[in-house]
Amino acid sequence: MNPSPENKPARNPPPKWLLNTLTALVGVLTLALGIGWLVYKWVVDLEIPYFAIPLVMCVPVIVAVAFRNIWD
């Protein structure tokens, strides 16, 4: 069963190895930004926002999954 020309995707998805690498980089970059924000708040305000520590650990996973789902 061949797809008709009107049902074809606009572009081919990137190779799986590239998608995995980009997903990992997006997750690590988001984690680095979150940790940087925590350190900045600790230095500037002299107080660590303890409520944000679980968020800094969870948000990179959510961002990486959302990035990955762009091509699914």
PDB file of N, CA and C in Angstrom:
ATOM      1  N   MET A   1       0.839  -1.170   0.000  1.00  0.00           N
ATOM      2  CA  MET A   1       0.000   0.000   0.000  1.00  0.00           C
ATOM      3  C   MET A   1       0.887   1.237   0.000  1.00  0.00           C
ATOM      4  N   ASN A   2       0.999   1.891  -1.107  1.00  0.00           N
ATOM      5  CA  ASN A   2       1.824   3.085  -1.226  1.00  0.00           C
ATOM      6  C   ASN A   2       1.029   4.325  -0.843  1.00  0.00           C
ATOM      7  N   PRO A   3       1.659   5.223  -0.082  1.00  0.00           N
ATOM      8  CA  PRO A   3       0.946   6.460   0.259  1.00  0.00           C
ATOM      9  C   PRO A   3       0.795   7.335  -0.979  1.00  0.00           C
ATOM     10  N   SER A   4      -0.316   7.990  -1.055  1.00  0.00           N
ATOM     11  CA  SER A   4      -0.527   8.899  -2.180  1.00  0.00           C
ATOM     12  C   SER A   4       0.352  10.135  -1.993  1.00  0.00           C
ATOM     13  N   PRO A   5       0.662  10.847  -3.059  1.00  0.00           N
ATOM     14  CA  PRO A   5       1.545  12.023  -2.947  1.00  0.00           C
ATOM     15  C   PRO A   5       1.037  13.082  -1.986  1.00  0.00           C
ATOM     16  N   GLU A   6      -0.253  13.192  -1.808  1.00  0.00           N
ATOM     17  CA  GLU A   6      -0.774  14.231  -0.906  1.00  0.00           C
ATOM     18  C   GLU A   6      -0.614  13.858   0.559  1.00  0.00           C
ATOM     19  N   ASN A   7      -0.370  12.587   0.874  1.00  0.00           N
ATOM     20  CA  ASN A   7      -0.198  12.156   2.266  1.00  0.00           C
ATOM     21  C   ASN A   7       1.265  12.036   2.674  1.00  0.00           C
ATOM     22  N   LYS A   8       2.191  12.326   1.793  1.00  0.00           N
ATOM     23  CA  LYS A   8       3.607  12.214   2.129  1.00  0.00           C
ATOM     24  C   LYS A   8       4.023  13.343   3.071  1.00  0.00           C
ATOM     25  N   PRO A   9       4.915  13.029   4.006  1.00  0.00           N
ATOM     26  CA  PRO A   9       5.412  14.111   4.874  1.00  0.00           C
ATOM     27  C   PRO A   9       6.201  15.127   4.060  1.00  0.00           C
ATOM     28  N   ALA A  10       6.243  16.353   4.553  1.00  0.00           N
ATOM     29  CA  ALA A  10       6.916  17.423   3.832  1.00  0.00           C
ATOM     30  C   ALA A  10       8.419  17.161   3.741  1.00  0.00           C
ATOM     31  N   ARG A  11       9.000  16.599   4.790  1.00  0.00           N
ATOM     32  CA  ARG A  11      10.436  16.315   4.812  1.00  0.00           C
ATOM     33  C   ARG A  11      10.667  14.944   5.420  1.00  0.00           C
ATOM     34  N   ASN A  12      11.809  14.396   5.131  1.00  0.00           N
ATOM     35  CA  ASN A  12      12.217  13.169   5.792  1.00  0.00           C
ATOM     36  C   ASN A  12      12.715  13.501   7.189  1.00  0.00           C
ATOM     37  N   PRO A  13      12.431  12.641   8.164  1.00  0.00           N
ATOM     38  CA  PRO A  13      12.960  12.910   9.507  1.00  0.00           C
ATOM     39  C   PRO A  13      14.472  12.733   9.519  1.00  0.00           C
ATOM     40  N   PRO A  14      15.155  13.363  10.473  1.00  0.00           N
ATOM     41  CA  PRO A  14      16.610  13.199  10.553  1.00  0.00           C
ATOM     42  C   PRO A  14      16.955  11.760  10.950  1.00  0.00           C
ATOM     43  N   PRO A  15      18.181  11.344  10.716  1.00  0.00           N
ATOM     44  CA  PRO A  15      18.586   9.988  11.131  1.00  0.00           C
ATOM     45  C   PRO A  15      18.416   9.803  12.639  1.00  0.00           C
ATOM     46  N   LYS A  16      18.195   8.553  13.022  1.00  0.00           N
ATOM     47  CA  LYS A  16      17.919   8.265  14.432  1.00  0.00           C
ATOM     48  C   LYS A  16      19.089   8.659  15.336  1.00  0.00           C
ATOM     49  N   TRP A  17      20.319   8.442  14.900  1.00  0.00           N
ATOM     50  CA  TRP A  17      21.474   8.795  15.736  1.00  0.00           C
ATOM     51  C   TRP A  17      21.553  10.298  15.955  1.00  0.00           C
ATOM     52  N   LEU A  18      21.225  11.076  14.922  1.00  0.00           N
ATOM     53  CA  LEU A  18      21.242  12.532  15.052  1.00  0.00           C
ATOM     54  C   LEU A  18      20.129  13.010  15.974  1.00  0.00           C
ATOM     55  N   LEU A  19      18.961  12.403  15.847  1.00  0.00           N
ATOM     56  CA  LEU A  19      17.836  12.773  16.704  1.00  0.00           C
ATOM     57  C   LEU A  19      18.137  12.447  18.163  1.00  0.00           C
ATOM     58  N   ASN A  20      18.747  11.291  18.408  1.00  0.00           N
ATOM     59  CA  ASN A  20      19.120  10.930  19.785  1.00  0.00           C
ATOM     60  C   ASN A  20      20.158  11.896  20.348  1.00  0.00           C
ATOM     61  N   THR A  21      21.135  12.251  19.537  1.00  0.00           N
ATOM     62  CA  THR A  21      22.183  13.172  19.985  1.00  0.00           C
ATOM     63  C   THR A  21      21.612  14.558  20.282  1.00  0.00           C
ATOM     64  N   LEU A  22      20.779  15.060  19.393  1.00  0.00           N
ATOM     65  CA  LEU A  22      20.176  16.381  19.604  1.00  0.00           C
ATOM     66  C   LEU A  22      19.267  16.380  20.830  1.00  0.00           C
ATOM     67  N   THR A  23      18.523  15.298  21.037  1.00  0.00           N
ATOM     68  CA  THR A  23      17.649  15.208  22.205  1.00  0.00           C
ATOM     69  C   THR A  23      18.469  15.242  23.494  1.00  0.00           C
ATOM     70  N   ALA A  24      19.569  14.498  23.522  1.00  0.00           N
ATOM     71  CA  ALA A  24      20.430  14.508  24.712  1.00  0.00           C
ATOM     72  C   ALA A  24      21.030  15.891  24.931  1.00  0.00           C
ATOM     73  N   LEU A  25      21.471  16.549  23.864  1.00  0.00           N
ATOM     74  CA  LEU A  25      22.054  17.886  24.003  1.00  0.00           C
ATOM     75  C   LEU A  25      21.029  18.896  24.506  1.00  0.00           C
ATOM     76  N   VAL A  26      19.805  18.817  24.017  1.00  0.00           N
ATOM     77  CA  VAL A  26      18.751  19.726  24.480  1.00  0.00           C
ATOM     78  C   VAL A  26      18.485  19.502  25.965  1.00  0.00           C
ATOM     79  N   GLY A  27      18.434  18.250  26.391  1.00  0.00           N
ATOM     80  CA  GLY A  27      18.219  17.946  27.810  1.00  0.00           C
ATOM     81  C   GLY A  27      19.350  18.444  28.686  1.00  0.00           C
ATOM     82  N   VAL A  28      20.594  18.222  28.251  1.00  0.00           N
ATOM     83  CA  VAL A  28      21.753  18.666  29.038  1.00  0.00           C
ATOM     84  C   VAL A  28      21.828  20.190  29.076  1.00  0.00           C
ATOM     85  N   LEU A  29      21.533  20.832  27.967  1.00  0.00           N
ATOM     86  CA  LEU A  29      21.543  22.299  27.930  1.00  0.00           C
ATOM     87  C   LEU A  29      20.475  22.878  28.859  1.00  0.00           C
ATOM     88  N   THR A  30      19.296  22.295  28.860  1.00  0.00           N
ATOM     89  CA  THR A  30      18.235  22.759  29.758  1.00  0.00           C
ATOM     90  C   THR A  30      18.625  22.535  31.214  1.00  0.00           C
ATOM     91  N   LEU A  31      19.241  21.400  31.502  1.00  0.00           N
ATOM     92  CA  LEU A  31      19.700  21.137  32.868  1.00  0.00           C
ATOM     93  C   LEU A  31      20.768  22.145  33.285  1.00  0.00           C
ATOM     94  N   ALA A  32      21.698  22.453  32.383  1.00  0.00           N
ATOM     95  CA  ALA A  32      22.740  23.434  32.687  1.00  0.00           C
ATOM     96  C   ALA A  32      22.147  24.812  32.937  1.00  0.00           C
ATOM     97  N   LEU A  33      21.155  25.184  32.146  1.00  0.00           N
ATOM     98  CA  LEU A  33      20.487  26.478  32.370  1.00  0.00           C
ATOM     99  C   LEU A  33      19.791  26.510  33.731  1.00  0.00           C
ATOM    100  N   GLY A  34      19.136  25.426  34.094  1.00  0.00           N
ATOM    101  CA  GLY A  34      18.459  25.360  35.390  1.00  0.00           C
ATOM    102  C   GLY A  34      19.427  25.425  36.554  1.00  0.00           C
ATOM    103  N   ILE A  35      20.529  24.687  36.451  1.00  0.00           N
ATOM    104  CA  ILE A  35      21.537  24.720  37.514  1.00  0.00           C
ATOM    105  C   ILE A  35      22.187  26.093  37.582  1.00  0.00           C
ATOM    106  N   GLY A  36      22.433  26.699  36.430  1.00  0.00           N
ATOM    107  CA  GLY A  36      22.980  28.057  36.414  1.00  0.00           C
ATOM    108  C   GLY A  36      22.056  29.052  37.090  1.00  0.00           C
ATOM    109  N   TRP A  37      20.758  28.895  36.854  1.00  0.00           N
ATOM    110  CA  TRP A  37      19.789  29.784  37.498  1.00  0.00           C
ATOM    111  C   TRP A  37      19.792  29.577  39.010  1.00  0.00           C
ATOM    112  N   LEU A  38      19.885  28.312  39.461  1.00  0.00           N
ATOM    113  CA  LEU A  38      19.935  28.053  40.905  1.00  0.00           C
ATOM    114  C   LEU A  38      21.176  28.668  41.541  1.00  0.00           C
ATOM    115  N   VAL A  39      22.315  28.523  40.883  1.00  0.00           N
ATOM    116  CA  VAL A  39      23.552  29.103  41.418  1.00  0.00           C
ATOM    117  C   VAL A  39      23.458  30.622  41.430  1.00  0.00           C
ATOM    118  N   TYR A  40      22.911  31.202  40.384  1.00  0.00           N
ATOM    119  CA  TYR A  40      22.741  32.657  40.326  1.00  0.00           C
ATOM    120  C   TYR A  40      21.860  33.145  41.474  1.00  0.00           C
ATOM    121  N   LYS A  41      20.737  32.475  41.701  1.00  0.00           N
ATOM    122  CA  LYS A  41      19.846  32.881  42.798  1.00  0.00           C
ATOM    123  C   LYS A  41      20.532  32.720  44.149  1.00  0.00           C
ATOM    124  N   TRP A  42      21.371  31.694  44.267  1.00  0.00           N
ATOM    125  CA  TRP A  42      22.074  31.461  45.527  1.00  0.00           C
ATOM    126  C   TRP A  42      23.092  32.567  45.774  1.00  0.00           C
ATOM    127  N   VAL A  43      23.794  32.986  44.738  1.00  0.00           N
ATOM    128  CA  VAL A  43      24.822  34.030  44.900  1.00  0.00           C
ATOM    129  C   VAL A  43      24.173  35.398  45.097  1.00  0.00           C
ATOM    130  N   VAL A  44      23.146  35.702  44.315  1.00  0.00           N
ATOM    131  CA  VAL A  44      22.535  37.038  44.360  1.00  0.00           C
ATOM    132  C   VAL A  44      21.666  37.209  45.596  1.00  0.00           C
ATOM    133  N   ASP A  45      20.798  36.234  45.848  1.00  0.00           N
ATOM    134  CA  ASP A  45      19.853  36.375  46.957  1.00  0.00           C
ATOM    135  C   ASP A  45      20.352  35.753  48.255  1.00  0.00           C
ATOM    136  N   LEU A  46      21.491  35.060  48.201  1.00  0.00           N
ATOM    137  CA  LEU A  46      22.043  34.361  49.358  1.00  0.00           C
ATOM    138  C   LEU A  46      21.055  33.368  49.951  1.00  0.00           C
ATOM    139  N   GLU A  47      20.248  32.786  49.069  1.00  0.00           N
ATOM    140  CA  GLU A  47      19.270  31.800  49.498  1.00  0.00           C
ATOM    141  C   GLU A  47      18.974  30.890  48.313  1.00  0.00           C
ATOM    142  N   ILE A  48      18.901  29.593  48.574  1.00  0.00           N
ATOM    143  CA  ILE A  48      18.591  28.637  47.511  1.00  0.00           C
ATOM    144  C   ILE A  48      17.082  28.430  47.481  1.00  0.00           C
ATOM    145  N   PRO A  49      16.457  28.593  46.322  1.00  0.00           N
ATOM    146  CA  PRO A  49      15.006  28.316  46.234  1.00  0.00           C
ATOM    147  C   PRO A  49      14.775  26.801  46.217  1.00  0.00           C
ATOM    148  N   TYR A  50      14.587  26.213  47.384  1.00  0.00           N
ATOM    149  CA  TYR A  50      14.483  24.757  47.498  1.00  0.00           C
ATOM    150  C   TYR A  50      13.317  24.192  46.709  1.00  0.00           C
ATOM    151  N   PHE A  51      12.252  24.943  46.534  1.00  0.00           N
ATOM    152  CA  PHE A  51      11.115  24.466  45.752  1.00  0.00           C
ATOM    153  C   PHE A  51      11.497  24.238  44.296  1.00  0.00           C
ATOM    154  N   ALA A  52      12.544  24.894  43.819  1.00  0.00           N
ATOM    155  CA  ALA A  52      12.915  24.811  42.408  1.00  0.00           C
ATOM    156  C   ALA A  52      13.835  23.638  42.101  1.00  0.00           C
ATOM    157  N   ILE A  53      14.418  23.023  43.097  1.00  0.00           N
ATOM    158  CA  ILE A  53      15.363  21.927  42.835  1.00  0.00           C
ATOM    159  C   ILE A  53      14.678  20.761  42.121  1.00  0.00           C
ATOM    160  N   PRO A  54      13.500  20.303  42.558  1.00  0.00           N
ATOM    161  CA  PRO A  54      12.839  19.231  41.794  1.00  0.00           C
ATOM    162  C   PRO A  54      12.468  19.665  40.373  1.00  0.00           C
ATOM    163  N   LEU A  55      12.108  20.924  40.206  1.00  0.00           N
ATOM    164  CA  LEU A  55      11.776  21.409  38.870  1.00  0.00           C
ATOM    165  C   LEU A  55      12.988  21.410  37.950  1.00  0.00           C
ATOM    166  N   VAL A  56      14.132  21.805  38.493  1.00  0.00           N
ATOM    167  CA  VAL A  56      15.357  21.833  37.688  1.00  0.00           C
ATOM    168  C   VAL A  56      15.727  20.419  37.251  1.00  0.00           C
ATOM    169  N   MET A  57      15.385  19.420  38.028  1.00  0.00           N
ATOM    170  CA  MET A  57      15.685  18.046  37.654  1.00  0.00           C
ATOM    171  C   MET A  57      14.661  17.462  36.694  1.00  0.00           C
ATOM    172  N   CYS A  58      13.418  17.919  36.722  1.00  0.00           N
ATOM    173  CA  CYS A  58      12.348  17.338  35.897  1.00  0.00           C
ATOM    174  C   CYS A  58      12.150  18.053  34.570  1.00  0.00           C
ATOM    175  N   VAL A  59      12.315  19.340  34.540  1.00  0.00           N
ATOM    176  CA  VAL A  59      12.034  20.112  33.328  1.00  0.00           C
ATOM    177  C   VAL A  59      12.917  19.703  32.149  1.00  0.00           C
ATOM    178  N   PRO A  60      14.206  19.386  32.327  1.00  0.00           N
ATOM    179  CA  PRO A  60      14.993  18.947  31.165  1.00  0.00           C
ATOM    180  C   PRO A  60      14.439  17.694  30.487  1.00  0.00           C
ATOM    181  N   VAL A  61      13.877  16.785  31.268  1.00  0.00           N
ATOM    182  CA  VAL A  61      13.274  15.586  30.679  1.00  0.00           C
ATOM    183  C   VAL A  61      12.055  15.961  29.856  1.00  0.00           C
ATOM    184  N   ILE A  62      11.230  16.858  30.378  1.00  0.00           N
ATOM    185  CA  ILE A  62      10.035  17.287  29.663  1.00  0.00           C
ATOM    186  C   ILE A  62      10.414  18.005  28.374  1.00  0.00           C
ATOM    187  N   VAL A  63      11.413  18.867  28.444  1.00  0.00           N
ATOM    188  CA  VAL A  63      11.852  19.602  27.255  1.00  0.00           C
ATOM    189  C   VAL A  63      12.433  18.651  26.217  1.00  0.00           C
ATOM    190  N   ALA A  64      13.229  17.677  26.643  1.00  0.00           N
ATOM    191  CA  ALA A  64      13.821  16.724  25.701  1.00  0.00           C
ATOM    192  C   ALA A  64      12.748  15.873  25.032  1.00  0.00           C
ATOM    193  N   VAL A  65      11.746  15.445  25.786  1.00  0.00           N
ATOM    194  CA  VAL A  65      10.657  14.660  25.192  1.00  0.00           C
ATOM    195  C   VAL A  65       9.849  15.503  24.220  1.00  0.00           C
ATOM    196  N   ALA A  66       9.588  16.747  24.570  1.00  0.00           N
ATOM    197  CA  ALA A  66       8.857  17.629  23.657  1.00  0.00           C
ATOM    198  C   ALA A  66       9.659  17.871  22.383  1.00  0.00           C
ATOM    199  N   PHE A  67      10.960  18.054  22.506  1.00  0.00           N
ATOM    200  CA  PHE A  67      11.819  18.224  21.338  1.00  0.00           C
ATOM    201  C   PHE A  67      11.802  16.974  20.471  1.00  0.00           C
ATOM    202  N   ARG A  68      11.866  15.825  21.111  1.00  0.00           N
ATOM    203  CA  ARG A  68      11.871  14.551  20.369  1.00  0.00           C
ATOM    204  C   ARG A  68      10.543  14.330  19.629  1.00  0.00           C
ATOM    205  N   ASN A  69       9.445  14.760  20.233  1.00  0.00           N
ATOM    206  CA  ASN A  69       8.134  14.519  19.637  1.00  0.00           C
ATOM    207  C   ASN A  69       7.844  15.426  18.442  1.00  0.00           C
ATOM    208  N   ILE A  70       8.705  16.386  18.175  1.00  0.00           N
ATOM    209  CA  ILE A  70       8.522  17.217  16.997  1.00  0.00           C
ATOM    210  C   ILE A  70       8.558  16.337  15.740  1.00  0.00           C
ATOM    211  N   TRP A  71       9.400  15.299  15.761  1.00  0.00           N
ATOM    212  CA  TRP A  71       9.570  14.463  14.570  1.00  0.00           C
ATOM    213  C   TRP A  71       8.741  13.188  14.614  1.00  0.00           C
ATOM    214  N   ASP A  72       7.983  12.954  15.660  1.00  0.00           N
ATOM    215  CA  ASP A  72       7.159  11.734  15.722  1.00  0.00           C
ATOM    216  C   ASP A  72       5.794  11.969  15.149  1.00  0.00           C
TER     217      ASP A  72
END
